C-alpha cells in the first residue's frame, strides 16, 4: 500500500506476462486500498504501532491468504526473464 499509483501499471505488466489472474488480484487490492485510504492514512499518521495494528486487521488478510493461489511469488523468474529480454533487445535507454 505504499505506492497506490503503481497498482494499475503492475496489473498491466502481469497481463503482458500472461498472468490475468494475478492482474485481477492486483486490481482487487487497488479497489480495497481506495476504499480504505482514509483509514490507512490515519494509521500511518499514528506511527508504526498504529500502522501495524491496522494491517493486522481482517481487511487485508484475504490477500495474504491468496498470494500463493494467484502465484505472486512464482512469477519472479518470469519477471526477471522478461526484463532480461527487454535489456537484450535494447529497450533500455542508457
C-alpha atoms as a PDB file:
ATOM      1  CA  UNK A   1       0.000   0.000   0.000  1.00  0.00           C
ATOM      2  CA  UNK A   2       2.990   2.279  -0.125  1.00  0.00           C
ATOM      3  CA  UNK A   3       2.534   3.422  -3.724  1.00  0.00           C
ATOM      4  CA  UNK A   4      -1.114   3.193  -4.816  1.00  0.00           C
ATOM      5  CA  UNK A   5      -0.414   4.659  -8.240  1.00  0.00           C
ATOM      6  CA  UNK A   6       1.661   1.559  -9.080  1.00  0.00           C
ATOM      7  CA  UNK A   7      -1.285  -0.849  -8.858  1.00  0.00           C
ATOM      8  CA  UNK A   8      -2.515  -0.377 -12.417  1.00  0.00           C
ATOM      9  CA  UNK A   9       0.942  -0.467 -14.053  1.00  0.00           C
ATOM     10  CA  UNK A  10       1.618  -3.655 -12.087  1.00  0.00           C
ATOM     11  CA  UNK A  11      -1.669  -5.176 -13.231  1.00  0.00           C
ATOM     12  CA  UNK A  12      -0.941  -4.311 -16.861  1.00  0.00           C
ATOM     13  CA  UNK A  13       2.523  -5.817 -16.526  1.00  0.00           C
ATOM     14  CA  UNK A  14       1.081  -9.082 -15.248  1.00  0.00           C
ATOM     15  CA  UNK A  15      -1.258  -9.116 -18.236  1.00  0.00           C
ATOM     16  CA  UNK A  16       1.745  -8.693 -20.564  1.00  0.00           C
ATOM     17  CA  UNK A  17       3.370 -11.625 -18.772  1.00  0.00           C
ATOM     18  CA  UNK A  18       0.262 -13.718 -19.412  1.00  0.00           C
ATOM     19  CA  UNK A  19      -0.927 -13.709 -15.789  1.00  0.00           C
ATOM     20  CA  UNK A  20      -4.514 -12.402 -15.902  1.00  0.00           C
ATOM     21  CA  UNK A  21      -5.377 -13.975 -12.536  1.00  0.00           C
ATOM     22  CA  UNK A  22      -2.551 -12.061 -10.886  1.00  0.00           C
ATOM     23  CA  UNK A  23      -3.552  -8.854 -12.701  1.00  0.00           C
ATOM     24  CA  UNK A  24      -7.092  -9.225 -11.344  1.00  0.00           C
ATOM     25  CA  UNK A  25      -5.676  -9.810  -7.848  1.00  0.00           C
ATOM     26  CA  UNK A  26      -3.690  -6.561  -8.033  1.00  0.00           C
ATOM     27  CA  UNK A  27      -6.733  -4.634  -9.258  1.00  0.00           C
ATOM     28  CA  UNK A  28      -8.823  -6.077  -6.440  1.00  0.00           C
ATOM     29  CA  UNK A  29      -6.194  -4.930  -3.935  1.00  0.00           C
ATOM     30  CA  UNK A  30      -6.279  -1.474  -5.550  1.00  0.00           C
ATOM     31  CA  UNK A  31     -10.045  -1.275  -5.039  1.00  0.00           C
ATOM     32  CA  UNK A  32      -9.717  -2.189  -1.364  1.00  0.00           C
ATOM     33  CA  UNK A  33      -6.885   0.304  -0.948  1.00  0.00           C
ATOM     34  CA  UNK A  34      -9.076   3.032  -2.427  1.00  0.00           C
ATOM     35  CA  UNK A  35     -11.941   2.206  -0.059  1.00  0.00           C
ATOM     36  CA  UNK A  36      -9.550   2.064   2.903  1.00  0.00           C
ATOM     37  CA  UNK A  37      -7.421   5.103   2.006  1.00  0.00           C
ATOM     38  CA  UNK A  38      -8.606   7.290   4.909  1.00  0.00           C
ATOM     39  CA  UNK A  39      -8.068   4.524   7.468  1.00  0.00           C
ATOM     40  CA  UNK A  40      -4.645   3.696   6.012  1.00  0.00           C
ATOM     41  CA  UNK A  41      -3.567   7.344   6.134  1.00  0.00           C
ATOM     42  CA  UNK A  42      -4.797   7.653   9.730  1.00  0.00           C
ATOM     43  CA  UNK A  43      -2.909   4.519  10.740  1.00  0.00           C
ATOM     44  CA  UNK A  44       0.286   5.795   9.128  1.00  0.00           C
ATOM     45  CA  UNK A  45      -0.093   9.172  10.781  1.00  0.00           C
ATOM     46  CA  UNK A  46      -0.299   7.429  14.143  1.00  0.00           C
ATOM     47  CA  UNK A  47       3.140   5.866  13.755  1.00  0.00           C
ATOM     48  CA  UNK A  48       4.459   2.338  13.412  1.00  0.00           C
ATOM     49  CA  UNK A  49       2.328   0.761  16.124  1.00  0.00           C
ATOM     50  CA  UNK A  50      -0.915   2.123  14.664  1.00  0.00           C
ATOM     51  CA  UNK A  51       0.104   1.119  11.145  1.00  0.00           C
ATOM     52  CA  UNK A  52       0.983  -2.441  12.194  1.00  0.00           C
ATOM     53  CA  UNK A  53      -2.239  -2.699  14.194  1.00  0.00           C
ATOM     54  CA  UNK A  54      -4.234  -1.641  11.141  1.00  0.00           C
ATOM     55  CA  UNK A  55      -2.570  -4.127   8.810  1.00  0.00           C
ATOM     56  CA  UNK A  56      -3.132  -6.954  11.298  1.00  0.00           C
ATOM     57  CA  UNK A  57      -6.882  -6.408  10.914  1.00  0.00           C
ATOM     58  CA  UNK A  58      -9.055  -8.555   8.678  1.00  0.00           C
ATOM     59  CA  UNK A  59      -9.144  -6.099   5.773  1.00  0.00           C
ATOM     60  CA  UNK A  60      -6.071  -7.464   4.017  1.00  0.00           C
ATOM     61  CA  UNK A  61      -5.883 -10.991   5.424  1.00  0.00           C
ATOM     62  CA  UNK A  62      -7.846 -12.223   2.421  1.00  0.00           C
ATOM     63  CA  UNK A  63      -4.999 -11.078   0.187  1.00  0.00           C
ATOM     64  CA  UNK A  64      -2.313 -12.580   2.395  1.00  0.00           C
ATOM     65  CA  UNK A  65      -4.062 -15.936   2.260  1.00  0.00           C
ATOM     66  CA  UNK A  66      -4.325 -15.830  -1.543  1.00  0.00           C
ATOM     67  CA  UNK A  67      -0.794 -14.848  -2.618  1.00  0.00           C
ATOM     68  CA  UNK A  68       0.216 -18.459  -3.244  1.00  0.00           C
ATOM     69  CA  UNK A  69      -3.053 -19.207  -5.058  1.00  0.00           C
ATOM     70  CA  UNK A  70      -2.541 -16.407  -7.564  1.00  0.00           C
ATOM     71  CA  UNK A  71       1.148 -17.175  -7.985  1.00  0.00           C
ATOM     72  CA  UNK A  72       2.561 -13.902  -6.708  1.00  0.00           C
ATOM     73  CA  UNK A  73       5.926 -15.354  -5.715  1.00  0.00           C
ATOM     74  CA  UNK A  74       6.017 -17.904  -8.532  1.00  0.00           C
ATOM     75  CA  UNK A  75       6.421 -15.103 -11.076  1.00  0.00           C
ATOM     76  CA  UNK A  76       9.876 -13.943 -10.002  1.00  0.00           C
ATOM     77  CA  UNK A  77      11.699 -15.946 -12.677  1.00  0.00           C
ATOM     78  CA  UNK A  78       9.174 -14.904 -15.306  1.00  0.00           C
ATOM     79  CA  UNK A  79       9.590 -11.231 -14.413  1.00  0.00           C
ATOM     80  CA  UNK A  80      13.369 -11.470 -14.480  1.00  0.00           C
ATOM     81  CA  UNK A  81      13.337 -13.267 -17.826  1.00  0.00           C
ATOM     82  CA  UNK A  82      11.097 -10.547 -19.294  1.00  0.00           C
ATOM     83  CA  UNK A  83      13.346  -7.741 -18.047  1.00  0.00           C
ATOM     84  CA  UNK A  84      16.460  -9.505 -19.341  1.00  0.00           C
ATOM     85  CA  UNK A  85      14.824  -9.954 -22.739  1.00  0.00           C
ATOM     86  CA  UNK A  86      13.975  -6.257 -22.862  1.00  0.00           C
ATOM     87  CA  UNK A  87      17.526  -5.318 -21.900  1.00  0.00           C
ATOM     88  CA  UNK A  88      18.998  -7.650 -24.512  1.00  0.00           C
ATOM     89  CA  UNK A  89      16.705  -6.179 -27.167  1.00  0.00           C
ATOM     90  CA  UNK A  90      17.984  -2.682 -26.455  1.00  0.00           C
ATOM     91  CA  UNK A  91      14.754  -1.471 -24.857  1.00  0.00           C
ATOM     92  CA  UNK A  92      16.644   0.177 -22.050  1.00  0.00           C
ATOM     93  CA  UNK A  93      17.948   3.629 -22.678  1.00  0.00           C
ATOM     94  CA  UNK A  94      21.306   4.486 -21.156  1.00  0.00           C
END
